[in-house]
Amino acid sequence: MSCEIRLARPEDAKQILEAHYDAVHVLGAKEYPQEILDRWDIGVTPERVRVMERNIKSDDEIYNHAEVDGKVVGFSVVVPKNNELRAVYVHSEFGGKGLGRKLLEAVEHEAKRLDVPYLYLHSSLNAKDFYLNNGYSIMHPGTHHWGNVKMPCEVMRKIFSSNFVDPIATLKTERLLLRPVTLADKEAIFSYAKNPNVSKYTLWEPHEEIEDSEEFIKDNIFPNYGKGVPEPLGICFSNKPNKLIGTVGCFWVSKGSKSMELAYALDEEHWGKGITVEASKALLDFIFANFEVERIQARYKTENVASGRVMEKLGMSYEGLHRKAVFHREKFWDMKIYSVLKEEWNY
């Protein structure tokens, strides 16, 4: 069998979608019920062909495909700017012939050429072993959402650079350990996130059930980790590393402008002990040292005076009042904003 791996062209869009449909409904059926398969791929339609043509033309996504006797039998997609391996699919009739590995090598070659330090992906359960056998490791469980239909998957990663610094770091201070959040932390998060005093001025609602905390981890934290965004890390005391008492994180406001935002939450039992300041300082040290960031900002509802004191103790500069900047809980809120620049931060 002679196979050619090459960059896809817009005219390949329909055959790429046909290969995707077959791979999903034949190979995916080993792990998923029909309800999920039908949402994963509804079939080839004129609109989906047009969207695929646009995607192939895009400068953000790189498509390779495998062609046998003039027929597209598989494809792979990488989004270098997001460090994301979007997909590797092979038609079921051509499985087990090494085409998946060749397609994976093609997109990894493009990533390395562009100096991408690592790739992450959301692997379907039926493809997990394929990626493990090709040097990827499991970071944590993930979920794809199609309305009310949820598809379990595995978030995986492969590192290419020997100088790679894991953005989801474990950090230590005099009293604290900052570490990645896991599903085992859902009870600890629920214990403080259900407290209306903790969420009084947050932009998220009190957790009513432990499932809310589990969804917060799966649907918010894990996707951020997959993108290399430490939003958030768990806060623990050094002598109790398995007992999470809060979170602190930074997320991108604008990558192009090299700007991030700091956010935090802490169990009420530990308020007034300088923990949020200590944890935030450790995280900002790490962010300024390892991320291409020039500015980190933080915001709070004007009523949340304690949060403002945290920003002041961090040495952040008050920039002003954003009047009625947020509509939340049936009212408008004024927001105060602080920031610190890389050149101002001593780390």
Protein backbone atom coordinates (compact mmCIF):
# COMPACT_ATOMS: atom_id res chain seq x y z
CA MET A 1 0.00 0.00 0.00
CA SER A 2 1.42 3.35 -1.08
CA CYS A 3 0.45 6.24 1.18
CA GLU A 4 1.21 9.93 0.81
CA ILE A 5 1.13 12.31 3.79
CA ARG A 6 0.74 15.93 2.68
CA LEU A 7 -0.80 19.23 3.68
CA ALA A 8 -4.54 19.29 3.09
CA ARG A 9 -6.19 21.53 0.52
CA PRO A 10 -9.70 23.03 0.69
CA GLU A 11 -10.89 20.60 -1.99
CA ASP A 12 -10.06 17.73 0.41
CA ALA A 13 -12.67 18.93 2.93
CA LYS A 14 -15.47 16.51 2.01
CA GLN A 15 -13.25 13.42 2.08
CA ILE A 16 -11.71 14.51 5.40
CA LEU A 17 -15.19 14.73 6.91
CA GLU A 18 -16.08 11.31 5.51
CA ALA A 19 -12.97 9.79 7.09
CA HIS A 20 -13.85 11.50 10.39
CA TYR A 21 -17.42 10.16 10.34
CA ASP A 22 -16.22 6.60 9.76
CA ALA A 23 -13.56 6.77 12.48
CA VAL A 24 -16.02 8.18 15.00
CA HIS A 25 -18.90 5.79 14.31
CA VAL A 26 -16.84 2.63 13.85
CA LEU A 27 -13.83 3.03 16.15
CA GLY A 28 -15.54 5.30 18.67
CA ALA A 29 -18.32 2.74 19.12
CA LYS A 30 -15.87 0.62 21.11
CA GLU A 31 -16.08 3.08 24.01
CA TYR A 32 -19.14 5.31 23.55
CA PRO A 33 -22.92 4.88 23.20
CA GLN A 34 -24.74 5.92 20.04
CA GLU A 35 -26.08 9.09 21.65
CA ILE A 36 -22.53 10.43 22.03
CA LEU A 37 -21.45 9.25 18.57
CA ASP A 38 -24.39 11.06 16.96
CA ARG A 39 -23.39 14.32 18.66
CA TRP A 40 -19.68 13.79 18.00
CA ASP A 41 -20.29 13.60 14.24
CA ILE A 42 -23.69 14.20 12.67
CA GLY A 43 -22.50 13.37 9.17
CA VAL A 44 -21.30 15.27 6.11
CA THR A 45 -23.38 18.34 5.24
CA PRO A 46 -22.74 21.22 2.82
CA GLU A 47 -22.36 23.63 5.75
CA ARG A 48 -19.79 21.41 7.49
CA VAL A 49 -17.86 21.13 4.22
CA ARG A 50 -17.75 24.93 3.95
CA VAL A 51 -16.57 25.24 7.55
CA MET A 52 -13.86 22.63 6.95
CA GLU A 53 -12.70 24.47 3.84
CA ARG A 54 -12.35 27.66 5.89
CA ASN A 55 -10.46 25.80 8.62
CA ILE A 56 -8.00 24.33 6.13
CA LYS A 57 -7.36 27.81 4.69
CA SER A 58 -6.82 29.26 8.18
CA ASP A 59 -3.35 30.34 9.23
CA ASP A 60 -4.06 29.13 12.78
CA GLU A 61 -4.65 25.44 12.00
CA ILE A 62 -2.38 23.04 10.11
CA TYR A 63 -4.06 20.07 8.43
CA ASN A 64 -2.21 17.03 7.10
CA HIS A 65 -3.94 14.12 5.47
CA ALA A 66 -3.12 10.57 4.41
CA GLU A 67 -3.98 9.67 0.83
CA VAL A 68 -4.12 6.15 -0.65
CA ASP A 69 -4.84 5.74 -4.37
CA GLY A 70 -6.24 9.25 -4.53
CA LYS A 71 -8.56 8.78 -1.53
CA VAL A 72 -8.24 10.61 1.78
CA VAL A 73 -8.13 7.92 4.49
CA GLY A 74 -7.04 9.96 7.50
CA PHE A 75 -6.01 13.38 8.72
CA SER A 76 -4.39 15.26 11.60
CA VAL A 77 -4.75 18.84 12.86
CA VAL A 78 -2.51 20.98 15.06
CA VAL A 79 -3.07 24.52 16.38
CA PRO A 80 0.48 25.69 17.20
CA LYS A 81 -0.42 28.99 18.85
CA ASN A 82 -2.53 27.11 21.41
CA ASN A 83 -0.08 24.18 21.84
CA GLU A 84 -3.02 22.03 20.79
CA LEU A 85 -3.11 18.75 18.91
CA ARG A 86 -6.69 18.95 17.66
CA ALA A 87 -7.09 15.52 16.06
CA VAL A 88 -5.65 12.39 14.46
CA TYR A 89 -8.24 10.25 12.68
CA VAL A 90 -7.85 7.24 10.36
CA HIS A 91 -10.62 5.50 8.41
CA SER A 92 -11.42 2.15 10.06
CA GLU A 93 -10.51 0.18 6.90
CA PHE A 94 -6.97 1.53 7.10
CA GLY A 95 -6.39 1.13 10.83
CA GLY A 96 -3.38 -0.80 12.11
CA LYS A 97 -1.22 0.10 9.11
CA GLY A 98 0.85 2.84 10.74
CA LEU A 99 -1.03 5.74 9.13
CA GLY A 100 -2.02 7.25 12.47
CA ARG A 101 1.61 7.33 13.60
CA LYS A 102 2.68 8.97 10.32
CA LEU A 103 -0.03 11.61 10.61
CA LEU A 104 0.96 12.27 14.21
CA GLU A 105 4.61 12.62 13.23
CA ALA A 106 3.62 15.11 10.52
CA VAL A 107 1.87 17.49 12.92
CA GLU A 108 4.56 17.07 15.57
CA HIS A 109 7.13 18.02 12.94
CA GLU A 110 5.18 21.23 12.25
CA ALA A 111 4.96 21.97 15.98
CA LYS A 112 8.70 21.50 16.49
CA ARG A 113 9.47 23.61 13.42
CA LEU A 114 7.52 26.44 15.05
CA ASP A 115 9.29 25.92 18.40
CA VAL A 116 6.16 24.73 20.19
CA PRO A 117 7.47 23.33 23.52
CA TYR A 118 4.62 20.83 24.03
CA LEU A 119 1.31 19.67 22.61
CA TYR A 120 -1.81 18.77 24.56
CA LEU A 121 -5.01 17.15 23.38
CA HIS A 122 -8.35 15.81 24.53
CA SER A 123 -8.08 12.16 23.55
CA SER A 124 -11.13 9.98 23.10
CA LEU A 125 -11.03 6.87 25.28
CA ASN A 126 -10.65 4.60 22.25
CA ALA A 127 -7.51 6.52 21.14
CA LYS A 128 -5.84 6.78 24.56
CA ASP A 129 -3.49 3.79 24.07
CA PHE A 130 -2.40 5.10 20.67
CA TYR A 131 -1.18 8.35 22.21
CA LEU A 132 0.41 6.59 25.20
CA ASN A 133 2.37 4.43 22.78
CA ASN A 134 3.57 7.56 20.99
CA GLY A 135 5.00 9.36 24.00
CA TYR A 136 1.98 11.22 25.40
CA SER A 137 1.14 11.13 29.10
CA ILE A 138 -2.21 11.53 30.82
CA MET A 139 -2.63 14.79 32.73
CA HIS A 140 -6.18 14.34 34.00
CA PRO A 141 -9.70 13.28 32.94
CA GLY A 142 -11.56 15.61 30.60
CA THR A 143 -15.03 16.11 29.14
CA HIS A 144 -16.41 17.20 25.80
CA HIS A 145 -19.83 18.88 25.96
CA TRP A 146 -22.57 18.87 23.35
CA GLY A 147 -25.49 20.51 25.13
CA ASN A 148 -26.54 18.09 27.87
CA VAL A 149 -24.51 15.25 26.36
CA LYS A 150 -21.11 14.77 27.99
CA MET A 151 -18.32 12.70 26.46
CA PRO A 152 -15.55 11.56 28.83
CA CYS A 153 -12.02 11.79 27.48
CA GLU A 154 -8.40 12.06 28.66
CA VAL A 155 -6.35 15.26 28.57
CA MET A 156 -2.86 14.26 27.45
CA ARG A 157 0.43 16.01 26.76
CA LYS A 158 3.80 15.44 25.09
CA ILE A 159 6.80 17.67 25.85
CA PHE A 160 9.36 18.43 23.12
CA SER A 161 11.67 21.00 24.72
CA SER A 162 14.37 20.00 27.22
CA ASN A 163 14.03 23.51 28.69
CA PHE A 164 10.30 23.18 29.25
CA VAL A 165 9.00 24.63 32.52
CA ASP A 166 5.64 23.14 33.46
CA PRO A 167 3.17 26.06 33.65
CA ILE A 168 1.04 24.04 36.08
CA ALA A 169 3.70 24.13 38.74
CA THR A 170 4.06 23.07 42.36
CA LEU A 171 5.32 26.03 44.41
CA LYS A 172 6.46 26.30 48.01
CA THR A 173 6.52 29.21 50.46
CA GLU A 174 7.40 29.45 54.15
CA ARG A 175 4.01 28.08 55.18
CA LEU A 176 2.27 26.97 52.01
CA LEU A 177 2.27 24.52 49.15
CA LEU A 178 0.64 25.55 45.87
CA ARG A 179 -0.13 22.56 43.67
CA PRO A 180 -2.39 21.44 40.80
CA VAL A 181 -5.99 20.74 41.76
CA THR A 182 -7.25 17.16 41.29
CA LEU A 183 -10.67 15.54 41.48
CA ALA A 184 -9.72 14.35 44.97
CA ASP A 185 -10.02 18.01 46.07
CA LYS A 186 -13.73 18.31 45.29
CA GLU A 187 -14.80 17.79 48.92
CA ALA A 188 -12.37 20.45 50.15
CA ILE A 189 -13.49 22.93 47.50
CA PHE A 190 -17.14 22.25 48.30
CA SER A 191 -16.52 22.83 52.02
CA TYR A 192 -15.68 26.50 51.40
CA ALA A 193 -17.38 27.16 48.05
CA LYS A 194 -20.78 26.42 49.61
CA ASN A 195 -20.17 29.17 52.19
CA PRO A 196 -22.10 32.32 51.13
CA ASN A 197 -19.57 34.47 52.97
CA VAL A 198 -16.79 33.19 50.70
CA SER A 199 -18.80 33.79 47.53
CA LYS A 200 -20.43 37.05 48.69
CA TYR A 201 -18.39 39.18 46.29
CA THR A 202 -17.19 36.57 43.78
CA LEU A 203 -18.38 36.30 40.19
CA TRP A 204 -19.31 32.65 40.77
CA GLU A 205 -22.27 31.34 42.78
CA PRO A 206 -22.11 29.26 46.00
CA HIS A 207 -21.82 25.55 45.29
CA GLU A 208 -25.06 23.87 46.30
CA GLU A 209 -23.94 20.27 45.80
CA ILE A 210 -20.59 18.50 45.70
CA GLU A 211 -21.29 17.85 42.02
CA ASP A 212 -20.96 21.63 41.48
CA SER A 213 -17.41 21.45 42.80
CA GLU A 214 -16.65 18.41 40.65
CA GLU A 215 -17.95 20.20 37.55
CA PHE A 216 -15.89 23.27 38.45
CA ILE A 217 -12.76 21.10 38.43
CA LYS A 218 -13.64 19.22 35.24
CA ASP A 219 -15.13 22.06 33.21
CA ASN A 220 -13.04 25.04 34.35
CA ILE A 221 -9.78 24.01 35.98
CA PHE A 222 -8.81 21.03 33.83
CA PRO A 223 -9.37 22.83 30.49
CA ASN A 224 -7.16 25.68 31.75
CA TYR A 225 -4.43 23.22 32.71
CA GLY A 226 -4.63 21.64 29.27
CA LYS A 227 -3.93 25.07 27.76
CA GLY A 228 -1.01 25.65 30.10
CA VAL A 229 -2.86 28.22 32.20
CA PRO A 230 -2.40 27.95 36.02
CA GLU A 231 -5.96 28.97 36.82
CA PRO A 232 -6.08 28.04 39.57
CA LEU A 233 -3.57 26.20 41.75
CA GLY A 234 -4.69 24.75 45.04
CA ILE A 235 -3.48 26.33 48.30
CA CYS A 236 -2.45 23.95 51.10
CA PHE A 237 -0.37 24.20 54.25
CA SER A 238 3.03 22.59 53.72
CA ASN A 239 2.42 20.07 56.48
CA LYS A 240 -1.03 19.17 55.08
CA PRO A 241 -0.48 18.87 51.31
CA ASN A 242 -3.67 16.90 50.73
CA LYS A 243 -5.97 19.42 52.44
CA LEU A 244 -6.84 22.23 50.04
CA ILE A 245 -7.91 25.47 51.77
CA GLY A 246 -8.31 27.73 48.76
CA THR A 247 -7.11 28.52 45.25
CA VAL A 248 -5.02 31.16 43.50
CA GLY A 249 -4.50 31.50 39.77
CA CYS A 250 -3.66 33.68 36.80
CA PHE A 251 -5.42 33.63 33.44
CA TRP A 252 -4.84 35.49 30.20
CA VAL A 253 -6.58 38.80 29.64
CA SER A 254 -4.75 39.17 26.33
CA LYS A 255 -1.87 37.01 25.13
CA GLY A 256 -1.13 39.50 22.38
CA SER A 257 -0.79 42.30 24.94
CA LYS A 258 1.03 40.00 27.40
CA SER A 259 -1.51 40.70 30.12
CA MET A 260 -2.89 38.32 32.77
CA GLU A 261 -5.32 38.59 35.69
CA LEU A 262 -4.90 37.33 39.25
CA ALA A 263 -7.79 35.67 41.10
CA TYR A 264 -8.10 33.90 44.45
CA ALA A 265 -10.49 32.32 46.97
CA LEU A 266 -9.88 31.13 50.53
CA ASP A 267 -11.75 29.15 53.16
CA GLU A 268 -13.23 31.60 55.70
CA GLU A 269 -11.51 29.71 58.53
CA HIS A 270 -8.16 31.03 57.29
CA TRP A 271 -9.02 34.66 56.60
CA GLY A 272 -6.87 37.34 58.19
CA LYS A 273 -3.68 35.25 58.34
CA GLY A 274 -1.87 36.64 55.28
CA ILE A 275 -2.34 33.40 53.36
CA THR A 276 -3.81 34.93 50.21
CA VAL A 277 -0.97 37.47 50.00
CA GLU A 278 1.67 34.78 50.56
CA ALA A 279 0.16 32.46 47.96
CA SER A 280 -0.38 35.26 45.42
CA LYS A 281 3.19 36.49 45.77
CA ALA A 282 4.57 32.99 45.10
CA LEU A 283 2.40 32.65 42.01
CA LEU A 284 3.32 36.10 40.67
CA ASP A 285 7.01 35.28 41.19
CA PHE A 286 6.53 32.18 39.06
CA ILE A 287 4.41 33.89 36.38
CA PHE A 288 6.78 36.81 35.83
CA ALA A 289 9.79 34.46 35.73
CA ASN A 290 8.33 31.89 33.32
CA PHE A 291 5.55 33.47 31.23
CA GLU A 292 5.81 36.08 28.50
CA VAL A 293 3.81 38.60 30.50
CA GLU A 294 4.32 42.33 31.07
CA ARG A 295 1.29 43.14 33.21
CA ILE A 296 -0.82 41.35 35.81
CA GLN A 297 -4.04 42.95 36.93
CA ALA A 298 -6.60 42.16 39.60
CA ARG A 299 -10.16 43.41 40.10
CA TYR A 300 -12.67 43.42 42.92
CA LYS A 301 -16.18 44.60 43.65
CA THR A 302 -15.83 47.86 45.57
CA GLU A 303 -17.60 46.38 48.60
CA ASN A 304 -14.92 43.69 48.94
CA VAL A 305 -12.45 45.86 50.86
CA ALA A 306 -10.42 42.86 52.10
CA SER A 307 -9.60 41.86 48.54
CA GLY A 308 -8.34 45.37 47.85
CA ARG A 309 -6.01 45.11 50.82
CA VAL A 310 -4.50 41.94 49.34
CA MET A 311 -3.70 43.82 46.14
CA GLU A 312 -2.16 46.70 48.05
CA LYS A 313 0.00 44.35 50.15
CA LEU A 314 1.24 42.77 46.94
CA GLY A 315 2.48 46.18 45.85
CA MET A 316 0.00 46.52 43.01
CA SER A 317 -0.93 50.02 41.83
CA TYR A 318 -4.49 51.30 41.92
CA GLU A 319 -5.57 52.21 38.40
CA GLY A 320 -9.12 53.38 38.89
CA LEU A 321 -12.81 52.66 39.28
CA HIS A 322 -14.78 50.96 36.52
CA ARG A 323 -18.32 52.13 37.17
CA LYS A 324 -21.10 49.57 36.73
CA ALA A 325 -18.60 47.35 34.94
CA VAL A 326 -20.23 44.02 35.84
CA PHE A 327 -23.89 42.96 35.88
CA HIS A 328 -24.22 40.10 38.35
CA ARG A 329 -26.97 38.85 40.66
CA GLU A 330 -29.50 41.23 39.19
CA LYS A 331 -27.49 44.40 39.77
CA PHE A 332 -24.58 46.40 38.40
CA TRP A 333 -21.32 46.42 40.35
CA ASP A 334 -18.53 48.98 40.37
CA MET A 335 -15.10 47.36 40.05
CA LYS A 336 -11.75 48.66 41.30
CA ILE A 337 -8.70 47.59 39.32
CA TYR A 338 -5.08 47.21 40.37
CA SER A 339 -2.03 46.09 38.39
CA VAL A 340 1.69 45.44 38.58
CA LEU A 341 4.22 45.46 35.73
CA LYS A 342 7.09 43.06 35.25
CA GLU A 343 9.60 45.90 35.62
CA GLU A 344 8.06 46.77 39.01
CA TRP A 345 7.99 43.25 40.44
CA ASN A 346 10.84 42.03 42.66
CA TYR A 347 11.07 38.28 42.31
